[in-house]
C-alpha atoms as a PDB file:
ATOM      1  CA  MET A   1    -155.935 124.007  21.948  1.00  0.00           C
ATOM      2  CA  ILE A   2    -153.744 121.517  23.035  1.00  0.00           C
ATOM      3  CA  GLU A   3    -153.581 118.356  20.822  1.00  0.00           C
ATOM      4  CA  HIS A   4    -150.431 116.436  22.263  1.00  0.00           C
ATOM      5  CA  SER A   5    -149.628 115.431  25.935  1.00  0.00           C
ATOM      6  CA  VAL A   6    -146.089 115.545  26.731  1.00  0.00           C
ATOM      7  CA  LEU A   7    -145.925 112.080  27.296  1.00  0.00           C
ATOM      8  CA  GLU A   8    -147.821 111.616  23.842  1.00  0.00           C
ATOM      9  CA  LEU A   9    -144.560 113.620  22.332  1.00  0.00           C
ATOM     10  CA  LEU A  10    -141.923 111.631  24.390  1.00  0.00           C
ATOM     11  CA  ARG A  11    -143.985 108.512  23.396  1.00  0.00           C
ATOM     12  CA  GLN A  12    -143.871 109.475  19.833  1.00  0.00           C
ATOM     13  CA  ARG A  13    -139.867 110.588  20.097  1.00  0.00           C
ATOM     14  CA  ILE A  14    -138.846 107.282  21.714  1.00  0.00           C
ATOM     15  CA  TYR A  15    -140.459 105.027  19.852  1.00  0.00           C
ATOM     16  CA  ALA A  16    -139.319 105.981  16.751  1.00  0.00           C
ATOM     17  CA  ILE A  17    -135.612 106.172  18.186  1.00  0.00           C
ATOM     18  CA  ALA A  18    -136.254 102.298  18.986  1.00  0.00           C
ATOM     19  CA  LEU A  19    -137.741 102.008  15.207  1.00  0.00           C
ATOM     20  CA  GLY A  20    -135.065 103.555  13.617  1.00  0.00           C
ATOM     21  CA  TYR A  21    -135.695 106.920  12.975  1.00  0.00           C
ATOM     22  CA  GLU A  22    -133.391 109.181  14.693  1.00  0.00           C
ATOM     23  CA  ASP A  23    -134.245 112.418  12.604  1.00  0.00           C
ATOM     24  CA  VAL A  24    -136.974 114.443  13.938  1.00  0.00           C
ATOM     25  CA  ASN A  25    -137.501 115.395  10.396  1.00  0.00           C
ATOM     26  CA  ASP A  26    -138.984 111.294   9.904  1.00  0.00           C
ATOM     27  CA  HIS A  27    -141.707 112.713  11.831  1.00  0.00           C
ATOM     28  CA  ASP A  28    -143.568 114.392   8.608  1.00  0.00           C
ATOM     29  CA  LYS A  29    -144.242 110.984   7.188  1.00  0.00           C
ATOM     30  CA  LEU A  30    -144.183 109.293  10.647  1.00  0.00           C
ATOM     31  CA  ARG A  31    -147.348 111.289  11.868  1.00  0.00           C
ATOM     32  CA  LEU A  32    -149.383 109.832   9.478  1.00  0.00           C
ATOM     33  CA  ASP A  33    -149.035 106.247  10.960  1.00  0.00           C
ATOM     34  CA  PRO A  34    -152.186 105.159  12.674  1.00  0.00           C
ATOM     35  CA  LEU A  35    -150.799 102.058  14.575  1.00  0.00           C
ATOM     36  CA  LEU A  36    -147.949 104.571  16.212  1.00  0.00           C
ATOM     37  CA  ALA A  37    -150.364 106.609  17.305  1.00  0.00           C
ATOM     38  CA  ALA A  38    -152.161 103.634  19.186  1.00  0.00           C
ATOM     39  CA  VAL A  39    -148.841 103.352  20.645  1.00  0.00           C
ATOM     40  CA  CYS A  40    -148.534 106.697  21.966  1.00  0.00           C
ATOM     41  CA  GLY A  41    -151.726 106.520  23.458  1.00  0.00           C
ATOM     42  CA  LYS A  42    -153.656 109.037  20.912  1.00  0.00           C
ATOM     43  CA  VAL A  43    -157.628 108.237  20.171  1.00  0.00           C
ATOM     44  CA  ASP A  44    -158.167 109.898  17.665  1.00  0.00           C
ATOM     45  CA  VAL A  45    -155.506 107.623  15.988  1.00  0.00           C
ATOM     46  CA  LEU A  46    -156.242 109.011  12.193  1.00  0.00           C
ATOM     47  CA  GLY A  47    -156.293 113.198  13.152  1.00  0.00           C
ATOM     48  CA  GLN A  48    -159.522 113.172  11.995  1.00  0.00           C
ATOM     49  CA  ARG A  49    -160.733 115.876  15.181  1.00  0.00           C
ATOM     50  CA  ARG A  50    -157.432 117.654  14.841  1.00  0.00           C
ATOM     51  CA  HIS A  51    -158.115 121.604  15.501  1.00  0.00           C
ATOM     52  CA  LYS A  52    -156.647 122.874  12.178  1.00  0.00           C
ATOM     53  CA  SER A  53    -157.314 121.518   8.945  1.00  0.00           C
ATOM     54  CA  GLN A  54    -153.251 120.934   7.212  1.00  0.00           C
ATOM     55  CA  ASP A  55    -153.182 118.337  10.346  1.00  0.00           C
ATOM     56  CA  GLN A  56    -156.322 116.637   9.662  1.00  0.00           C
ATOM     57  CA  GLY A  57    -155.225 112.944   9.021  1.00  0.00           C
ATOM     58  CA  LYS A  58    -152.061 113.578  10.649  1.00  0.00           C
ATOM     59  CA  GLY A  59    -152.757 111.628  14.741  1.00  0.00           C
ATOM     60  CA  LEU A  60    -148.915 112.655  15.750  1.00  0.00           C
ATOM     61  CA  ALA A  61    -147.340 115.777  16.353  1.00  0.00           C
ATOM     62  CA  GLY A  62    -145.356 117.055  13.181  1.00  0.00           C
ATOM     63  CA  LYS A  63    -141.076 117.780  12.987  1.00  0.00           C
ATOM     64  CA  SER A  64    -141.437 121.449  14.640  1.00  0.00           C
ATOM     65  CA  THR A  65    -143.566 120.410  17.686  1.00  0.00           C
ATOM     66  CA  LEU A  66    -141.190 117.603  18.432  1.00  0.00           C
ATOM     67  CA  ASN A  67    -138.088 120.390  17.573  1.00  0.00           C
ATOM     68  CA  ARG A  68    -139.070 122.521  20.092  1.00  0.00           C
ATOM     69  CA  MET A  69    -139.983 120.000  22.812  1.00  0.00           C
ATOM     70  CA  GLU A  70    -135.906 118.570  22.269  1.00  0.00           C
ATOM     71  CA  LEU A  71    -134.459 121.407  22.006  1.00  0.00           C
ATOM     72  CA  THR A  72    -134.981 123.216  25.531  1.00  0.00           C
ATOM     73  CA  ALA A  73    -132.427 124.044  27.614  1.00  0.00           C
ATOM     74  CA  PRO A  74    -132.388 122.499  30.530  1.00  0.00           C
ATOM     75  CA  ASP A  75    -132.640 125.637  32.037  1.00  0.00           C
ATOM     76  CA  ALA A  76    -134.898 127.423  30.240  1.00  0.00           C
ATOM     77  CA  PRO A  77    -137.920 129.471  32.051  1.00  0.00           C
ATOM     78  CA  ALA A  78    -141.008 128.477  32.784  1.00  0.00           C
ATOM     79  CA  GLU A  79    -142.923 131.146  30.767  1.00  0.00           C
ATOM     80  CA  GLN A  80    -140.768 130.368  27.162  1.00  0.00           C
ATOM     81  CA  ARG A  81    -143.823 130.483  24.662  1.00  0.00           C
ATOM     82  CA  TYR A  82    -142.357 127.293  22.347  1.00  0.00           C
ATOM     83  CA  LYS A  83    -139.700 125.816  25.042  1.00  0.00           C
ATOM     84  CA  LYS A  84    -142.150 123.607  27.520  1.00  0.00           C
ATOM     85  CA  ILE A  85    -139.597 120.948  28.602  1.00  0.00           C
ATOM     86  CA  GLY A  86    -136.523 120.826  30.344  1.00  0.00           C
ATOM     87  CA  ALA A  87    -134.869 117.533  30.164  1.00  0.00           C
ATOM     88  CA  SER A  88    -132.597 116.455  33.396  1.00  0.00           C
ATOM     89  CA  ASP A  89    -129.440 113.844  31.781  1.00  0.00           C
ATOM     90  CA  GLU A  90    -129.500 112.339  35.425  1.00  0.00           C
ATOM     91  CA  ALA A  91    -133.341 111.901  35.966  1.00  0.00           C
ATOM     92  CA  LEU A  92    -133.983 110.062  32.006  1.00  0.00           C
ATOM     93  CA  ALA A  93    -130.628 108.164  33.191  1.00  0.00           C
ATOM     94  CA  ASP A  94    -132.571 107.319  36.353  1.00  0.00           C
ATOM     95  CA  TYR A  95    -136.105 106.859  34.856  1.00  0.00           C
ATOM     96  CA  PHE A  96    -134.345 103.476  32.596  1.00  0.00           C
ATOM     97  CA  THR A  97    -132.889 102.554  35.351  1.00  0.00           C
ATOM     98  CA  ARG A  98    -135.546 102.399  37.382  1.00  0.00           C
ATOM     99  CA  GLU A  99    -137.594 100.918  34.265  1.00  0.00           C
ATOM    100  CA  TRP A 100    -134.837  97.839  34.419  1.00  0.00           C
ATOM    101  CA  VAL A 101    -135.104  97.194  37.650  1.00  0.00           C
ATOM    102  CA  ARG A 102    -138.523  96.895  37.698  1.00  0.00           C
ATOM    103  CA  SER A 103    -138.857  94.556  34.833  1.00  0.00           C
ATOM    104  CA  LEU A 104    -136.839  91.876  36.812  1.00  0.00           C
ATOM    105  CA  SER A 105    -138.355  88.959  37.634  1.00  0.00           C
ATOM    106  CA  LYS A 106    -139.470  89.226  41.553  1.00  0.00           C
ATOM    107  CA  ASP A 107    -137.133  86.174  42.420  1.00  0.00           C
ATOM    108  CA  THR A 108    -134.352  87.599  40.324  1.00  0.00           C
ATOM    109  CA  LYS A 109    -131.480  86.614  43.287  1.00  0.00           C
ATOM    110  CA  GLU A 110    -128.454  87.201  40.454  1.00  0.00           C
ATOM    111  CA  VAL A 111    -127.380  89.660  37.968  1.00  0.00           C
ATOM    112  CA  ILE A 112    -124.598  89.758  36.106  1.00  0.00           C
ATOM    113  CA  LEU A 113    -123.434  93.515  34.052  1.00  0.00           C
ATOM    114  CA  ASP A 114    -120.970  93.542  31.164  1.00  0.00           C
ATOM    115  CA  LEU A 115    -119.176  96.673  30.862  1.00  0.00           C
ATOM    116  CA  ASP A 116    -118.215  97.831  27.671  1.00  0.00           C
ATOM    117  CA  ALA A 117    -116.559 100.771  26.007  1.00  0.00           C
ATOM    118  CA  THR A 118    -116.085 101.261  22.083  1.00  0.00           C
ATOM    119  CA  ASN A 119    -114.081 103.693  20.122  1.00  0.00           C
ATOM    120  CA  ASP A 120    -116.548 106.125  18.375  1.00  0.00           C
ATOM    121  CA  PRO A 121    -114.262 107.700  15.769  1.00  0.00           C
ATOM    122  CA  LEU A 122    -114.422 111.219  15.348  1.00  0.00           C
ATOM    123  CA  HIS A 123    -114.012 113.542  11.550  1.00  0.00           C
ATOM    124  CA  GLY A 124    -113.442 116.877  12.951  1.00  0.00           C
ATOM    125  CA  GLN A 125    -112.696 118.745  15.605  1.00  0.00           C
ATOM    126  CA  GLN A 126    -115.871 118.187  18.373  1.00  0.00           C
ATOM    127  CA  GLU A 127    -115.848 119.044  21.624  1.00  0.00           C
ATOM    128  CA  GLY A 128    -114.327 116.479  23.857  1.00  0.00           C
ATOM    129  CA  ARG A 129    -112.048 115.090  21.354  1.00  0.00           C
ATOM    130  CA  PHE A 130    -108.728 113.182  22.527  1.00  0.00           C
ATOM    131  CA  PHE A 131    -106.631 110.972  20.226  1.00  0.00           C
ATOM    132  CA  GLN A 132    -106.687 107.030  21.623  1.00  0.00           C
ATOM    133  CA  GLY A 133    -103.668 105.262  21.579  1.00  0.00           C
ATOM    134  CA  LEU A 134    -105.394 102.222  21.598  1.00  0.00           C
ATOM    135  CA  TYR A 135    -107.253 102.524  18.260  1.00  0.00           C
ATOM    136  CA  ARG A 136    -105.170 105.361  16.812  1.00  0.00           C
ATOM    137  CA  GLU A 137    -107.649 107.857  16.214  1.00  0.00           C
ATOM    138  CA  TYR A 138    -109.650 110.582  17.690  1.00  0.00           C
ATOM    139  CA  CYS A 139    -112.947 109.384  18.838  1.00  0.00           C
ATOM    140  CA  TYR A 140    -115.136 109.507  21.823  1.00  0.00           C
ATOM    141  CA  LEU A 141    -115.174 105.941  23.936  1.00  0.00           C
ATOM    142  CA  PRO A 142    -118.798 105.421  25.164  1.00  0.00           C
ATOM    143  CA  LEU A 143    -119.488 103.222  28.119  1.00  0.00           C
ATOM    144  CA  TYR A 144    -122.204 100.944  27.450  1.00  0.00           C
ATOM    145  CA  ILE A 145    -123.634  98.246  30.116  1.00  0.00           C
ATOM    146  CA  PHE A 146    -125.672  95.513  29.475  1.00  0.00           C
ATOM    147  CA  CYS A 147    -127.439  92.480  31.614  1.00  0.00           C
ATOM    148  CA  GLY A 148    -128.080  90.264  28.773  1.00  0.00           C
ATOM    149  CA  HIS A 149    -129.728  91.727  25.496  1.00  0.00           C
ATOM    150  CA  TRP A 150    -130.714  95.106  27.797  1.00  0.00           C
ATOM    151  CA  PRO A 151    -129.170  98.236  27.333  1.00  0.00           C
ATOM    152  CA  ILE A 152    -129.227  99.425  30.690  1.00  0.00           C
ATOM    153  CA  VAL A 153    -126.496 102.184  30.570  1.00  0.00           C
ATOM    154  CA  ALA A 154    -124.711 103.952  27.513  1.00  0.00           C
ATOM    155  CA  LYS A 155    -123.164 106.917  28.345  1.00  0.00           C
ATOM    156  CA  LEU A 156    -120.652 109.593  25.737  1.00  0.00           C
ATOM    157  CA  ARG A 157    -117.442 110.063  27.129  1.00  0.00           C
ATOM    158  CA  SER A 158    -114.572 111.457  25.690  1.00  0.00           C
ATOM    159  CA  SER A 159    -111.370 109.148  25.227  1.00  0.00           C
ATOM    160  CA  GLN A 160    -109.782 110.414  27.709  1.00  0.00           C
ATOM    161  CA  SER A 161    -112.152 109.631  30.174  1.00  0.00           C
ATOM    162  CA  GLN A 162    -111.737 107.647  33.426  1.00  0.00           C
ATOM    163  CA  ALA A 163    -115.060 107.647  34.882  1.00  0.00           C
END
């Protein structure tokens, strides 16, 4: 009865974010998009062969399926019925770094990295909040590392962070 592989779900979520659809609830409309379904690797892009009649005509997963995947705790036991994936932040960061290195031309001799920290103002009592005197406000201070236009690292940090 499995209709979406883990790879298809990950592709659906990552491509939607890349297209500017950060909210999981956007997927109830995006799941109707046959082009997105094709990019995600779905064979039945129109969802005509879905098991449940309410899912027919929808090639991709809905918000509830993606939400269960996304909200899984990293240490969740495998036997939990609706929680199938435990994400490792370190492994995800390593994956995107490896993919960037793999994308470089084989004859690359030099790489120039641009490290930048930009304030992200806070409006409330969020965990990790710290008053940053330079910006005169409470904020996070994310670290970004770029190579040209390619973002390599985006790490959310407290503005108190030195690392």
